[in-house]
Amino acid sequence: MDKVIKKEINLGGRLLSLEIGRFAPQADMAVLAQYGETCVLATVVTGREKPELGYFPLTVDYLEKL
């Protein structure tokens, strides 16, 4: 995505910000969500469908930085 889109709202006395198009250009989609001092980068990468698997493979990588 060549265009950066950022939306912000005040929610519960804190700023909620959602931004796409700035990070992880190799991913099919990436969203940076910020709420107060908390920040989460969620990315999605897709591949060819493999019907022989019989399930939907999902991987989650979690890294906490304090």
PDB file of N, CA and C in Angstrom:
ATOM      1  N   MET A   1       0.845  -1.171   0.000  1.00  0.00           N
ATOM      2  CA  MET A   1       0.000   0.000   0.000  1.00  0.00           C
ATOM      3  C   MET A   1       0.890   1.234   0.000  1.00  0.00           C
ATOM      4  N   ASP A   2       0.652   2.139  -0.909  1.00  0.00           N
ATOM      5  CA  ASP A   2       1.457   3.347  -1.023  1.00  0.00           C
ATOM      6  C   ASP A   2       0.935   4.486  -0.162  1.00  0.00           C
ATOM      7  N   LYS A   3      -0.303   4.404   0.252  1.00  0.00           N
ATOM      8  CA  LYS A   3      -0.940   5.493   0.971  1.00  0.00           C
ATOM      9  C   LYS A   3      -1.058   5.149   2.453  1.00  0.00           C
ATOM     10  N   VAL A   4      -0.665   6.089   3.304  1.00  0.00           N
ATOM     11  CA  VAL A   4      -0.811   5.915   4.749  1.00  0.00           C
ATOM     12  C   VAL A   4      -2.161   6.492   5.162  1.00  0.00           C
ATOM     13  N   ILE A   5      -2.936   5.685   5.879  1.00  0.00           N
ATOM     14  CA  ILE A   5      -4.236   6.122   6.385  1.00  0.00           C
ATOM     15  C   ILE A   5      -4.193   6.034   7.903  1.00  0.00           C
ATOM     16  N   LYS A   6      -4.547   7.137   8.566  1.00  0.00           N
ATOM     17  CA  LYS A   6      -4.530   7.181  10.029  1.00  0.00           C
ATOM     18  C   LYS A   6      -5.842   7.785  10.519  1.00  0.00           C
ATOM     19  N   LYS A   7      -6.476   7.097  11.462  1.00  0.00           N
ATOM     20  CA  LYS A   7      -7.717   7.563  12.076  1.00  0.00           C
ATOM     21  C   LYS A   7      -7.514   7.626  13.581  1.00  0.00           C
ATOM     22  N   GLU A   8      -8.006   8.688  14.195  1.00  0.00           N
ATOM     23  CA  GLU A   8      -7.866   8.866  15.636  1.00  0.00           C
ATOM     24  C   GLU A   8      -9.206   9.270  16.245  1.00  0.00           C
ATOM     25  N   ILE A   9      -9.473   8.712  17.437  1.00  0.00           N
ATOM     26  CA  ILE A   9     -10.649   9.127  18.204  1.00  0.00           C
ATOM     27  C   ILE A   9     -10.275   9.157  19.680  1.00  0.00           C
ATOM     28  N   ASN A  10     -11.005   9.947  20.448  1.00  0.00           N
ATOM     29  CA  ASN A  10     -10.829   9.977  21.890  1.00  0.00           C
ATOM     30  C   ASN A  10     -11.772   8.937  22.482  1.00  0.00           C
ATOM     31  N   LEU A  11     -11.215   7.979  23.201  1.00  0.00           N
ATOM     32  CA  LEU A  11     -12.005   6.884  23.753  1.00  0.00           C
ATOM     33  C   LEU A  11     -11.632   6.693  25.218  1.00  0.00           C
ATOM     34  N   GLY A  12     -12.571   6.908  26.098  1.00  0.00           N
ATOM     35  CA  GLY A  12     -12.304   6.711  27.526  1.00  0.00           C
ATOM     36  C   GLY A  12     -11.240   7.636  28.071  1.00  0.00           C
ATOM     37  N   GLY A  13     -11.129   8.822  27.524  1.00  0.00           N
ATOM     38  CA  GLY A  13     -10.138   9.782  28.001  1.00  0.00           C
ATOM     39  C   GLY A  13      -8.749   9.592  27.424  1.00  0.00           C
ATOM     40  N   ARG A  14      -8.596   8.637  26.522  1.00  0.00           N
ATOM     41  CA  ARG A  14      -7.298   8.400  25.869  1.00  0.00           C
ATOM     42  C   ARG A  14      -7.477   8.436  24.361  1.00  0.00           C
ATOM     43  N   LEU A  15      -6.394   8.665  23.659  1.00  0.00           N
ATOM     44  CA  LEU A  15      -6.427   8.707  22.205  1.00  0.00           C
ATOM     45  C   LEU A  15      -6.249   7.299  21.640  1.00  0.00           C
ATOM     46  N   LEU A  16      -7.182   6.868  20.801  1.00  0.00           N
ATOM     47  CA  LEU A  16      -7.072   5.605  20.073  1.00  0.00           C
ATOM     48  C   LEU A  16      -6.705   5.947  18.641  1.00  0.00           C
ATOM     49  N   SER A  17      -5.595   5.394  18.168  1.00  0.00           N
ATOM     50  CA  SER A  17      -5.095   5.675  16.830  1.00  0.00           C
ATOM     51  C   SER A  17      -4.912   4.364  16.070  1.00  0.00           C
ATOM     52  N   LEU A  18      -5.457   4.291  14.855  1.00  0.00           N
ATOM     53  CA  LEU A  18      -5.278   3.141  13.966  1.00  0.00           C
ATOM     54  C   LEU A  18      -4.621   3.639  12.689  1.00  0.00           C
ATOM     55  N   GLU A  19      -3.535   2.974  12.281  1.00  0.00           N
ATOM     56  CA  GLU A  19      -2.774   3.430  11.121  1.00  0.00           C
ATOM     57  C   GLU A  19      -2.415   2.248  10.223  1.00  0.00           C
ATOM     58  N   ILE A  20      -2.673   2.384   8.931  1.00  0.00           N
ATOM     59  CA  ILE A  20      -2.274   1.362   7.962  1.00  0.00           C
ATOM     60  C   ILE A  20      -1.412   2.004   6.886  1.00  0.00           C
ATOM     61  N   GLY A  21      -0.554   1.196   6.277  1.00  0.00           N
ATOM     62  CA  GLY A  21       0.244   1.653   5.153  1.00  0.00           C
ATOM     63  C   GLY A  21       1.630   2.150   5.478  1.00  0.00           C
ATOM     64  N   ARG A  22       2.023   2.211   6.748  1.00  0.00           N
ATOM     65  CA  ARG A  22       3.343   2.735   7.100  1.00  0.00           C
ATOM     66  C   ARG A  22       4.356   1.617   7.401  1.00  0.00           C
ATOM     67  N   PHE A  23       3.914   0.554   8.048  1.00  0.00           N
ATOM     68  CA  PHE A  23       4.821  -0.503   8.492  1.00  0.00           C
ATOM     69  C   PHE A  23       4.566  -1.809   7.750  1.00  0.00           C
ATOM     70  N   ALA A  24       5.557  -2.688   7.759  1.00  0.00           N
ATOM     71  CA  ALA A  24       5.465  -4.049   7.224  1.00  0.00           C
ATOM     72  C   ALA A  24       4.971  -4.097   5.778  1.00  0.00           C
ATOM     73  N   PRO A  25       5.696  -3.487   4.845  1.00  0.00           N
ATOM     74  CA  PRO A  25       5.241  -3.483   3.446  1.00  0.00           C
ATOM     75  C   PRO A  25       5.228  -4.870   2.801  1.00  0.00           C
ATOM     76  N   GLN A  26       5.964  -5.848   3.361  1.00  0.00           N
ATOM     77  CA  GLN A  26       5.964  -7.197   2.799  1.00  0.00           C
ATOM     78  C   GLN A  26       4.691  -7.955   3.159  1.00  0.00           C
ATOM     79  N   ALA A  27       3.991  -7.520   4.191  1.00  0.00           N
ATOM     80  CA  ALA A  27       2.755  -8.184   4.625  1.00  0.00           C
ATOM     81  C   ALA A  27       1.604  -7.785   3.711  1.00  0.00           C
ATOM     82  N   ASP A  28       0.576  -8.637   3.674  1.00  0.00           N
ATOM     83  CA  ASP A  28      -0.620  -8.304   2.898  1.00  0.00           C
ATOM     84  C   ASP A  28      -1.379  -7.144   3.538  1.00  0.00           C
ATOM     85  N   MET A  29      -1.328  -7.041   4.849  1.00  0.00           N
ATOM     86  CA  MET A  29      -1.940  -5.918   5.561  1.00  0.00           C
ATOM     87  C   MET A  29      -1.269  -5.787   6.916  1.00  0.00           C
ATOM     88  N   ALA A  30      -1.112  -4.556   7.383  1.00  0.00           N
ATOM     89  CA  ALA A  30      -0.544  -4.290   8.698  1.00  0.00           C
ATOM     90  C   ALA A  30      -1.277  -3.107   9.315  1.00  0.00           C
ATOM     91  N   VAL A  31      -1.609  -3.234  10.593  1.00  0.00           N
ATOM     92  CA  VAL A  31      -2.299  -2.170  11.320  1.00  0.00           C
ATOM     93  C   VAL A  31      -1.510  -1.870  12.586  1.00  0.00           C
ATOM     94  N   LEU A  32      -1.199  -0.604  12.789  1.00  0.00           N
ATOM     95  CA  LEU A  32      -0.583  -0.162  14.031  1.00  0.00           C
ATOM     96  C   LEU A  32      -1.684   0.465  14.873  1.00  0.00           C
ATOM     97  N   ALA A  33      -1.952  -0.122  16.035  1.00  0.00           N
ATOM     98  CA  ALA A  33      -2.979   0.390  16.939  1.00  0.00           C
ATOM     99  C   ALA A  33      -2.296   0.934  18.185  1.00  0.00           C
ATOM    100  N   GLN A  34      -2.650   2.161  18.555  1.00  0.00           N
ATOM    101  CA  GLN A  34      -2.099   2.784  19.753  1.00  0.00           C
ATOM    102  C   GLN A  34      -3.254   3.280  20.610  1.00  0.00           C
ATOM    103  N   TYR A  35      -3.183   2.951  21.911  1.00  0.00           N
ATOM    104  CA  TYR A  35      -4.186   3.417  22.863  1.00  0.00           C
ATOM    105  C   TYR A  35      -3.445   3.866  24.103  1.00  0.00           C
ATOM    106  N   GLY A  36      -3.370   5.157  24.302  1.00  0.00           N
ATOM    107  CA  GLY A  36      -2.562   5.677  25.398  1.00  0.00           C
ATOM    108  C   GLY A  36      -1.104   5.334  25.143  1.00  0.00           C
ATOM    109  N   GLU A  37      -0.475   4.641  26.095  1.00  0.00           N
ATOM    110  CA  GLU A  37       0.928   4.247  25.943  1.00  0.00           C
ATOM    111  C   GLU A  37       1.089   2.828  25.409  1.00  0.00           C
ATOM    112  N   THR A  38      -0.010   2.157  25.096  1.00  0.00           N
ATOM    113  CA  THR A  38       0.029   0.791  24.579  1.00  0.00           C
ATOM    114  C   THR A  38       0.011   0.811  23.059  1.00  0.00           C
ATOM    115  N   CYS A  39       0.877  -0.007  22.464  1.00  0.00           N
ATOM    116  CA  CYS A  39       1.008  -0.037  21.008  1.00  0.00           C
ATOM    117  C   CYS A  39       1.053  -1.492  20.540  1.00  0.00           C
ATOM    118  N   VAL A  40       0.266  -1.813  19.487  1.00  0.00           N
ATOM    119  CA  VAL A  40       0.223  -3.161  18.926  1.00  0.00           C
ATOM    120  C   VAL A  40       0.348  -3.064  17.413  1.00  0.00           C
ATOM    121  N   LEU A  41       1.247  -3.859  16.839  1.00  0.00           N
ATOM    122  CA  LEU A  41       1.359  -3.974  15.388  1.00  0.00           C
ATOM    123  C   LEU A  41       0.830  -5.349  15.007  1.00  0.00           C
ATOM    124  N   ALA A  42      -0.253  -5.377  14.244  1.00  0.00           N
ATOM    125  CA  ALA A  42      -0.850  -6.632  13.785  1.00  0.00           C
ATOM    126  C   ALA A  42      -0.635  -6.747  12.282  1.00  0.00           C
ATOM    127  N   THR A  43      -0.100  -7.885  11.841  1.00  0.00           N
ATOM    128  CA  THR A  43       0.155  -8.103  10.417  1.00  0.00           C
ATOM    129  C   THR A  43      -0.539  -9.375   9.949  1.00  0.00           C
ATOM    130  N   VAL A  44      -0.870  -9.399   8.655  1.00  0.00           N
ATOM    131  CA  VAL A  44      -1.502 -10.565   8.043  1.00  0.00           C
ATOM    132  C   VAL A  44      -0.758 -10.893   6.757  1.00  0.00           C
ATOM    133  N   VAL A  45      -0.398 -12.164   6.604  1.00  0.00           N
ATOM    134  CA  VAL A  45       0.238 -12.653   5.383  1.00  0.00           C
ATOM    135  C   VAL A  45      -0.533 -13.887   4.944  1.00  0.00           C
ATOM    136  N   THR A  46      -0.909 -13.929   3.675  1.00  0.00           N
ATOM    137  CA  THR A  46      -1.669 -15.066   3.166  1.00  0.00           C
ATOM    138  C   THR A  46      -0.860 -15.817   2.127  1.00  0.00           C
ATOM    139  N   GLY A  47      -1.230 -17.054   1.931  1.00  0.00           N
ATOM    140  CA  GLY A  47      -0.610 -17.896   0.917  1.00  0.00           C
ATOM    141  C   GLY A  47      -1.683 -18.688   0.196  1.00  0.00           C
ATOM    142  N   ARG A  48      -1.247 -19.623  -0.610  1.00  0.00           N
ATOM    143  CA  ARG A  48      -2.210 -20.465  -1.333  1.00  0.00           C
ATOM    144  C   ARG A  48      -2.991 -21.341  -0.363  1.00  0.00           C
ATOM    145  N   GLU A  49      -4.242 -21.559  -0.682  1.00  0.00           N
ATOM    146  CA  GLU A  49      -5.092 -22.427   0.131  1.00  0.00           C
ATOM    147  C   GLU A  49      -4.638 -23.878  -0.035  1.00  0.00           C
ATOM    148  N   LYS A  50      -4.628 -24.628   1.073  1.00  0.00           N
ATOM    149  CA  LYS A  50      -4.250 -26.042   1.062  1.00  0.00           C
ATOM    150  C   LYS A  50      -5.404 -26.855   1.637  1.00  0.00           C
ATOM    151  N   PRO A  51      -6.384 -27.214   0.805  1.00  0.00           N
ATOM    152  CA  PRO A  51      -7.572 -27.914   1.317  1.00  0.00           C
ATOM    153  C   PRO A  51      -7.262 -29.273   1.942  1.00  0.00           C
ATOM    154  N   GLU A  52      -6.138 -29.891   1.602  1.00  0.00           N
ATOM    155  CA  GLU A  52      -5.804 -31.205   2.157  1.00  0.00           C
ATOM    156  C   GLU A  52      -5.453 -31.138   3.644  1.00  0.00           C
ATOM    157  N   LEU A  53      -5.190 -29.943   4.185  1.00  0.00           N
ATOM    158  CA  LEU A  53      -4.852 -29.823   5.600  1.00  0.00           C
ATOM    159  C   LEU A  53      -6.038 -30.126   6.504  1.00  0.00           C
ATOM    160  N   GLY A  54      -7.226 -29.687   6.133  1.00  0.00           N
ATOM    161  CA  GLY A  54      -8.402 -29.932   6.952  1.00  0.00           C
ATOM    162  C   GLY A  54      -8.538 -28.983   8.135  1.00  0.00           C
ATOM    163  N   TYR A  55      -7.649 -28.006   8.249  1.00  0.00           N
ATOM    164  CA  TYR A  55      -7.744 -27.008   9.311  1.00  0.00           C
ATOM    165  C   TYR A  55      -7.131 -25.709   8.800  1.00  0.00           C
ATOM    166  N   PHE A  56      -7.339 -24.644   9.560  1.00  0.00           N
ATOM    167  CA  PHE A  56      -6.797 -23.342   9.200  1.00  0.00           C
ATOM    168  C   PHE A  56      -5.572 -23.068  10.065  1.00  0.00           C
ATOM    169  N   PRO A  57      -4.358 -23.099   9.492  1.00  0.00           N
ATOM    170  CA  PRO A  57      -3.158 -22.877  10.298  1.00  0.00           C
ATOM    171  C   PRO A  57      -3.059 -21.415  10.747  1.00  0.00           C
ATOM    172  N   LEU A  58      -2.725 -21.214  12.006  1.00  0.00           N
ATOM    173  CA  LEU A  58      -2.607 -19.876  12.559  1.00  0.00           C
ATOM    174  C   LEU A  58      -1.370 -19.822  13.441  1.00  0.00           C
ATOM    175  N   THR A  59      -0.577 -18.798  13.263  1.00  0.00           N
ATOM    176  CA  THR A  59       0.613 -18.595  14.074  1.00  0.00           C
ATOM    177  C   THR A  59       0.530 -17.230  14.733  1.00  0.00           C
ATOM    178  N   VAL A  60       0.836 -17.170  16.023  1.00  0.00           N
ATOM    179  CA  VAL A  60       0.846 -15.907  16.751  1.00  0.00           C
ATOM    180  C   VAL A  60       2.218 -15.750  17.389  1.00  0.00           C
ATOM    181  N   ASP A  61       2.875 -14.635  17.110  1.00  0.00           N
ATOM    182  CA  ASP A  61       4.145 -14.298  17.744  1.00  0.00           C
ATOM    183  C   ASP A  61       3.889 -13.137  18.694  1.00  0.00           C
ATOM    184  N   TYR A  62       4.266 -13.300  19.954  1.00  0.00           N
ATOM    185  CA  TYR A  62       4.008 -12.288  20.975  1.00  0.00           C
ATOM    186  C   TYR A  62       5.332 -11.836  21.558  1.00  0.00           C
ATOM    187  N   LEU A  63       5.542 -10.532  21.609  1.00  0.00           N
ATOM    188  CA  LEU A  63       6.759  -9.971  22.190  1.00  0.00           C
ATOM    189  C   LEU A  63       6.364  -8.772  23.034  1.00  0.00           C
ATOM    190  N   GLU A  64       6.650  -8.834  24.324  1.00  0.00           N
ATOM    191  CA  GLU A  64       6.318  -7.721  25.210  1.00  0.00           C
ATOM    192  C   GLU A  64       7.581  -6.949  25.536  1.00  0.00           C
ATOM    193  N   LYS A  65       7.508  -5.651  25.363  1.00  0.00           N
ATOM    194  CA  LYS A  65       8.633  -4.782  25.709  1.00  0.00           C
ATOM    195  C   LYS A  65       8.169  -3.809  26.773  1.00  0.00           C
ATOM    196  N   LEU A  66       8.894  -3.747  27.853  1.00  0.00           N
ATOM    197  CA  LEU A  66       8.545  -2.826  28.944  1.00  0.00           C
ATOM    198  C   LEU A  66       9.492  -1.667  28.990  1.00  0.00           C
TER     199      LEU A  66
END
